[in-house]
């Protein structure tokens, strides 16, 4: 103990008696002021659904590497969880525990050197068009338009919930995406790639008109409001979404983001230029677009066959 003090490595054993949930809610989460709101929401979701049920009532200093390995094994054995979800859930625990080390609550991170399941190549399997229409019909009526904004314009959840009426151009038939909703508040999109103009079909515009006839906008002319006429919060929307997914018997884990995959796949099937798809999706680079959707582009093996020979033969 004295040697630890001399090295500056001493940690009061009493500090580790705080429960993991108490530490997470009173110290760790409030410290995340420089973390993107979406990332913080991901942490909170994994804490609520996976980390707290496993460790929330445990003294944080009692959690061992064996516990961490057991946690990963349990998540991996759950058929409803992908390897990616296991990775992000465990990353939440690991980052939290490292913060506890930095805060001198514990001496070492028990999540270090824990083997995780291999992440396979991500292959997008878009929802069928019928499922999109079923979701629009099954979800809480005031959120119906959000489904069409995701599937018909490729908007992310926050972008759909934060779309304002002035940003809808019925004349030019496009949406001007500049802001998003985060926890009931409007926040400007941070990157130049996410700020974009998205052309839309009349089907989407008609749905927006229908929605405007039925519901008053939220403050700030936000298109989608909740029952209290305020900006809809992700938690309320997620609840409505989950109920619709369950009601329709769609695969567990079907997300709003899957609507974006449907949109991208529809553009690819229509032969839209990949660079235009990148812009409409708000991707930072064409590499991101091809890495995500490359397997959906047709492979025209015959296309261009003979072009090189023709060019070289014509040179003489």
Protein backbone atom coordinates (compact mmCIF):
# COMPACT_ATOMS: atom_id res chain seq x y z
CA UNK A 1 0.00 0.00 0.00
CA UNK A 2 2.79 2.40 0.94
CA UNK A 3 4.63 1.51 -2.27
CA UNK A 4 1.48 2.28 -4.26
CA UNK A 5 1.22 5.66 -2.56
CA UNK A 6 4.83 6.44 -3.43
CA UNK A 7 4.23 5.50 -7.08
CA UNK A 8 1.03 7.54 -7.16
CA UNK A 9 -0.93 4.36 -7.88
CA UNK A 10 -2.80 4.09 -4.60
CA UNK A 11 -6.61 3.91 -4.79
CA UNK A 12 -8.71 3.97 -1.65
CA UNK A 13 -10.49 0.58 -1.53
CA UNK A 14 -13.59 2.31 -0.18
CA UNK A 15 -13.98 4.17 -3.49
CA UNK A 16 -14.78 0.92 -5.33
CA UNK A 17 -17.76 0.20 -3.10
CA UNK A 18 -20.01 2.50 -5.16
CA UNK A 19 -22.34 0.49 -7.39
CA UNK A 20 -21.72 0.51 -11.11
CA UNK A 21 -25.13 2.05 -11.81
CA UNK A 22 -24.60 4.84 -9.30
CA UNK A 23 -21.18 5.63 -10.75
CA UNK A 24 -22.50 5.54 -14.31
CA UNK A 25 -25.45 7.83 -13.63
CA UNK A 26 -23.88 10.31 -11.20
CA UNK A 27 -20.34 10.60 -12.53
CA UNK A 28 -19.62 8.96 -15.88
CA UNK A 29 -22.56 10.08 -18.01
CA UNK A 30 -22.49 13.70 -16.75
CA UNK A 31 -18.80 13.87 -17.73
CA UNK A 32 -19.52 13.08 -21.39
CA UNK A 33 -19.97 16.70 -22.42
CA UNK A 34 -17.73 16.43 -25.49
CA UNK A 35 -19.33 13.22 -26.78
CA UNK A 36 -21.83 13.38 -29.65
CA UNK A 37 -25.40 13.12 -28.42
CA UNK A 38 -26.06 10.09 -30.59
CA UNK A 39 -23.07 8.30 -29.07
CA UNK A 40 -24.26 9.16 -25.58
CA UNK A 41 -27.71 7.79 -26.40
CA UNK A 42 -26.06 4.55 -27.53
CA UNK A 43 -24.21 4.29 -24.22
CA UNK A 44 -27.41 4.95 -22.28
CA UNK A 45 -29.30 2.31 -24.26
CA UNK A 46 -26.69 -0.38 -23.64
CA UNK A 47 -26.48 0.57 -19.98
CA UNK A 48 -30.23 0.29 -19.60
CA UNK A 49 -30.72 -2.95 -21.53
CA UNK A 50 -27.51 -4.91 -20.94
CA UNK A 51 -24.92 -3.47 -18.56
CA UNK A 52 -27.15 -2.48 -15.63
CA UNK A 53 -29.09 -5.77 -15.60
CA UNK A 54 -25.76 -7.60 -15.36
CA UNK A 55 -23.72 -5.31 -13.11
CA UNK A 56 -25.81 -2.32 -12.05
CA UNK A 57 -26.21 -3.34 -8.39
CA UNK A 58 -22.66 -4.69 -8.08
CA UNK A 59 -19.94 -2.70 -6.32
CA UNK A 60 -17.83 -1.47 -9.20
CA UNK A 61 -14.65 -2.63 -7.47
CA UNK A 62 -15.94 -6.19 -7.29
CA UNK A 63 -16.21 -6.69 -11.05
CA UNK A 64 -13.45 -8.94 -12.37
CA UNK A 65 -12.10 -9.92 -15.76
CA UNK A 66 -13.89 -13.25 -15.34
CA UNK A 67 -17.14 -11.30 -14.95
CA UNK A 68 -16.37 -9.35 -18.11
CA UNK A 69 -15.66 -12.55 -20.06
CA UNK A 70 -18.89 -14.09 -18.77
CA UNK A 71 -20.79 -10.96 -19.86
CA UNK A 72 -19.43 -11.27 -23.40
CA UNK A 73 -20.21 -14.99 -23.50
CA UNK A 74 -23.81 -14.37 -22.42
CA UNK A 75 -24.32 -11.66 -25.03
CA UNK A 76 -22.72 -13.76 -27.74
CA UNK A 77 -25.03 -16.68 -26.95
CA UNK A 78 -28.13 -14.49 -27.43
CA UNK A 79 -29.45 -15.31 -30.94
CA UNK A 80 -31.15 -11.92 -31.10
CA UNK A 81 -27.88 -10.00 -30.85
CA UNK A 82 -25.45 -9.47 -33.71
CA UNK A 83 -21.68 -9.50 -33.22
CA UNK A 84 -21.74 -5.76 -33.81
CA UNK A 85 -24.23 -5.26 -30.96
CA UNK A 86 -22.06 -7.39 -28.66
CA UNK A 87 -19.08 -5.21 -29.53
CA UNK A 88 -20.87 -1.91 -28.85
CA UNK A 89 -22.46 -3.20 -25.62
CA UNK A 90 -19.09 -4.38 -24.32
CA UNK A 91 -17.42 -1.16 -25.48
CA UNK A 92 -19.88 0.74 -23.29
CA UNK A 93 -18.83 -1.31 -20.25
CA UNK A 94 -15.13 -1.06 -21.11
CA UNK A 95 -15.20 2.73 -21.56
CA UNK A 96 -17.16 3.15 -18.33
CA UNK A 97 -14.66 1.01 -16.40
CA UNK A 98 -11.72 2.92 -17.88
CA UNK A 99 -13.32 6.14 -16.68
CA UNK A 100 -13.52 4.59 -13.21
CA UNK A 101 -9.79 3.89 -13.41
CA UNK A 102 -9.12 7.47 -14.47
CA UNK A 103 -11.32 8.72 -11.61
CA UNK A 104 -9.29 6.59 -9.17
CA UNK A 105 -12.31 4.48 -8.26
CA UNK A 106 -10.62 1.20 -9.27
CA UNK A 107 -7.00 0.32 -9.97
CA UNK A 108 -7.37 -1.58 -13.28
CA UNK A 109 -9.87 -2.08 -16.05
CA UNK A 110 -11.32 -5.63 -15.87
CA UNK A 111 -12.43 -5.36 -19.49
CA UNK A 112 -8.91 -5.23 -20.89
CA UNK A 113 -7.73 -8.19 -22.99
CA UNK A 114 -11.20 -9.73 -23.25
CA UNK A 115 -11.74 -11.57 -26.53
CA UNK A 116 -14.82 -10.56 -28.53
CA UNK A 117 -16.69 -12.42 -31.29
CA UNK A 118 -15.36 -11.85 -34.79
CA UNK A 119 -17.12 -9.16 -36.77
CA UNK A 120 -18.08 -10.64 -40.12
CA UNK A 121 -18.50 -8.65 -43.30
CA UNK A 122 -21.60 -6.52 -43.03
CA UNK A 123 -24.16 -7.51 -45.66
CA UNK A 124 -27.25 -5.35 -45.96
CA UNK A 125 -30.48 -7.20 -46.69
CA UNK A 126 -33.04 -4.45 -47.36
CA UNK A 127 -36.61 -4.75 -46.14
CA UNK A 128 -39.16 -5.53 -48.88
CA UNK A 129 -41.41 -2.72 -50.06
CA UNK A 130 -44.45 -4.44 -48.54
CA UNK A 131 -42.84 -4.30 -45.09
CA UNK A 132 -42.27 -0.56 -45.48
CA UNK A 133 -45.95 0.05 -46.17
CA UNK A 134 -46.95 -2.29 -43.35
CA UNK A 135 -44.75 -0.35 -40.92
CA UNK A 136 -46.27 2.93 -42.04
CA UNK A 137 -49.74 1.51 -41.38
CA UNK A 138 -48.86 -0.17 -38.07
CA UNK A 139 -46.97 2.61 -36.31
CA UNK A 140 -48.66 5.30 -34.21
CA UNK A 141 -50.42 7.48 -36.85
CA UNK A 142 -48.59 10.70 -36.03
CA UNK A 143 -45.28 8.91 -36.73
CA UNK A 144 -46.39 7.44 -40.04
CA UNK A 145 -44.72 10.22 -42.01
CA UNK A 146 -41.39 9.43 -40.34
CA UNK A 147 -41.44 5.96 -41.89
CA UNK A 148 -41.90 7.48 -45.35
CA UNK A 149 -39.13 10.02 -44.69
CA UNK A 150 -36.77 7.19 -43.83
CA UNK A 151 -37.73 4.88 -46.68
CA UNK A 152 -38.50 7.58 -49.24
CA UNK A 153 -35.72 10.08 -48.54
CA UNK A 154 -33.10 8.12 -46.62
CA UNK A 155 -33.36 10.33 -43.53
CA UNK A 156 -31.87 9.19 -40.25
CA UNK A 157 -34.24 9.03 -37.28
CA UNK A 158 -33.05 12.32 -35.81
CA UNK A 159 -33.25 14.02 -39.20
CA UNK A 160 -36.82 12.84 -39.71
CA UNK A 161 -37.93 13.94 -36.23
CA UNK A 162 -36.17 17.29 -36.68
CA UNK A 163 -37.41 18.15 -40.17
CA UNK A 164 -39.10 21.57 -40.21
CA UNK A 165 -41.91 22.63 -42.52
CA UNK A 166 -39.92 25.49 -44.13
CA UNK A 167 -37.28 22.93 -45.16
CA UNK A 168 -39.83 21.09 -47.31
CA UNK A 169 -40.01 22.49 -50.85
CA UNK A 170 -43.17 21.32 -52.56
CA UNK A 171 -42.32 23.35 -55.67
CA UNK A 172 -38.78 22.04 -56.10
CA UNK A 173 -39.75 18.61 -54.73
CA UNK A 174 -36.91 18.29 -52.30
CA UNK A 175 -36.03 18.35 -48.59
CA UNK A 176 -33.31 20.61 -47.21
CA UNK A 177 -31.67 18.61 -44.43
CA UNK A 178 -29.83 20.87 -41.99
CA UNK A 179 -30.92 19.94 -38.45
CA UNK A 180 -31.83 16.92 -36.37
CA UNK A 181 -33.81 16.27 -33.20
CA UNK A 182 -31.91 15.04 -30.15
CA UNK A 183 -33.82 14.34 -26.94
CA UNK A 184 -36.58 16.71 -27.94
CA UNK A 185 -34.24 19.54 -28.96
CA UNK A 186 -33.11 20.75 -32.38
CA UNK A 187 -29.40 20.55 -33.17
CA UNK A 188 -27.60 21.53 -36.36
CA UNK A 189 -26.00 18.70 -38.30
CA UNK A 190 -22.26 18.89 -37.78
CA UNK A 191 -20.71 17.77 -41.05
CA UNK A 192 -20.98 19.26 -44.51
CA UNK A 193 -21.80 15.81 -45.86
CA UNK A 194 -24.83 15.30 -43.61
CA UNK A 195 -26.20 18.72 -44.59
CA UNK A 196 -27.76 18.02 -47.96
CA UNK A 197 -30.61 18.50 -50.43
CA UNK A 198 -32.64 15.33 -51.02
CA UNK A 199 -34.98 15.07 -54.03
CA UNK A 200 -38.20 13.26 -53.14
CA UNK A 201 -41.06 11.55 -54.96
CA UNK A 202 -44.60 12.86 -54.93
CA UNK A 203 -45.55 9.95 -52.67
CA UNK A 204 -43.40 11.43 -49.91
CA UNK A 205 -44.64 14.97 -50.48
CA UNK A 206 -48.25 13.77 -50.45
CA UNK A 207 -47.61 12.02 -47.13
CA UNK A 208 -46.15 15.24 -45.71
CA UNK A 209 -49.21 17.20 -46.86
CA UNK A 210 -51.50 14.61 -45.29
CA UNK A 211 -49.59 14.80 -42.03
CA UNK A 212 -49.77 18.60 -41.99
CA UNK A 213 -53.54 18.43 -42.45
CA UNK A 214 -53.86 16.14 -39.41
CA UNK A 215 -51.28 17.42 -36.92
CA UNK A 216 -50.00 20.79 -35.79
CA UNK A 217 -46.24 21.25 -35.99
CA UNK A 218 -44.10 21.44 -32.89
CA UNK A 219 -42.45 24.72 -31.84
CA UNK A 220 -39.96 25.85 -34.46
CA UNK A 221 -42.26 24.55 -37.20
CA UNK A 222 -41.00 20.99 -36.65
CA UNK A 223 -43.13 18.73 -38.84
CA UNK A 224 -43.52 15.81 -36.42
CA UNK A 225 -44.86 16.63 -32.96
CA UNK A 226 -45.80 14.44 -30.03
CA UNK A 227 -49.19 14.38 -28.32
CA UNK A 228 -48.15 17.46 -26.29
CA UNK A 229 -47.31 19.32 -29.51
CA UNK A 230 -43.61 19.28 -28.67
CA UNK A 231 -40.65 17.85 -30.59
CA UNK A 232 -40.85 14.06 -30.42
CA UNK A 233 -38.18 12.38 -28.29
CA UNK A 234 -36.31 9.31 -29.58
CA UNK A 235 -37.47 7.20 -26.64
CA UNK A 236 -41.15 7.80 -27.45
CA UNK A 237 -40.59 7.14 -31.14
CA UNK A 238 -38.55 4.00 -30.43
CA UNK A 239 -41.37 2.67 -28.28
CA UNK A 240 -43.89 3.19 -31.08
CA UNK A 241 -41.46 1.66 -33.59
CA UNK A 242 -40.82 -1.45 -31.48
CA UNK A 243 -44.54 -2.05 -31.03
CA UNK A 244 -45.09 -1.84 -34.80
CA UNK A 245 -42.19 -4.22 -35.50
CA UNK A 246 -43.52 -6.71 -32.94
CA UNK A 247 -47.09 -6.42 -34.23
CA UNK A 248 -45.98 -7.21 -37.78
CA UNK A 249 -43.73 -10.09 -36.74
CA UNK A 250 -40.68 -8.52 -38.38
CA UNK A 251 -37.23 -9.79 -37.35
CA UNK A 252 -36.09 -8.77 -33.90
CA UNK A 253 -33.67 -5.89 -34.21
CA UNK A 254 -35.40 -4.28 -37.21
CA UNK A 255 -34.36 -0.63 -36.88
CA UNK A 256 -35.40 2.71 -38.28
CA UNK A 257 -31.98 2.73 -39.96
CA UNK A 258 -33.18 -0.19 -42.08
CA UNK A 259 -35.44 2.30 -43.85
CA UNK A 260 -32.30 4.08 -45.08
CA UNK A 261 -31.02 0.77 -46.42
CA UNK A 262 -34.29 0.32 -48.31
CA UNK A 263 -33.94 3.82 -49.78
CA UNK A 264 -30.35 3.22 -50.90
CA UNK A 265 -31.26 -0.15 -52.43
CA UNK A 266 -34.13 1.45 -54.36
CA UNK A 267 -31.79 4.11 -55.79
CA UNK A 268 -29.27 1.43 -56.80
CA UNK A 269 -31.98 -0.65 -58.47
CA UNK A 270 -33.08 2.46 -60.38
CA UNK A 271 -29.57 2.95 -61.74
CA UNK A 272 -28.86 6.21 -59.90
CA UNK A 273 -25.24 7.31 -60.11
CA UNK A 274 -23.26 6.11 -57.04
CA UNK A 275 -21.94 9.61 -56.39
CA UNK A 276 -25.50 10.94 -56.29
CA UNK A 277 -26.44 8.15 -53.87
CA UNK A 278 -23.53 9.17 -51.63
CA UNK A 279 -24.77 12.76 -51.54
CA UNK A 280 -28.37 11.81 -50.85
CA UNK A 281 -27.35 9.45 -48.04
CA UNK A 282 -25.11 12.05 -46.45
CA UNK A 283 -22.07 9.77 -46.57
CA UNK A 284 -18.66 11.37 -46.02
CA UNK A 285 -17.12 9.48 -48.93
CA UNK A 286 -17.99 7.23 -51.84
CA UNK A 287 -15.96 4.54 -50.03
CA UNK A 288 -18.56 4.47 -47.26
CA UNK A 289 -21.31 4.05 -49.84
CA UNK A 290 -19.58 1.17 -51.63
CA UNK A 291 -18.48 -0.50 -48.39
CA UNK A 292 -22.08 -0.51 -47.20
CA UNK A 293 -23.99 -1.17 -50.41
CA UNK A 294 -21.40 -2.43 -52.88
CA UNK A 295 -22.92 -5.93 -52.93
CA UNK A 296 -26.22 -4.46 -54.17
CA UNK A 297 -24.73 -2.92 -57.31
CA UNK A 298 -25.14 -5.16 -60.39
CA UNK A 299 -22.01 -6.86 -61.65
CA UNK A 300 -22.11 -6.44 -65.41
CA UNK A 301 -19.25 -8.75 -66.31
CA UNK A 302 -19.85 -8.36 -70.03
CA UNK A 303 -19.91 -4.58 -69.79
CA UNK A 304 -16.71 -3.28 -71.33
CA UNK A 305 -15.52 -6.66 -72.53
CA UNK A 306 -13.63 -6.08 -75.79
CA UNK A 307 -13.26 -2.36 -75.24
CA UNK A 308 -9.50 -2.57 -74.62
CA UNK A 309 -8.87 -4.80 -77.62
CA UNK A 310 -10.94 -2.51 -79.85
CA UNK A 311 -9.01 0.54 -78.70
CA UNK A 312 -5.61 -1.08 -79.23
CA UNK A 313 -6.53 -2.59 -82.62
CA UNK A 314 -7.85 0.74 -83.85
CA UNK A 315 -4.49 2.37 -83.06
CA UNK A 316 -2.98 0.75 -86.19
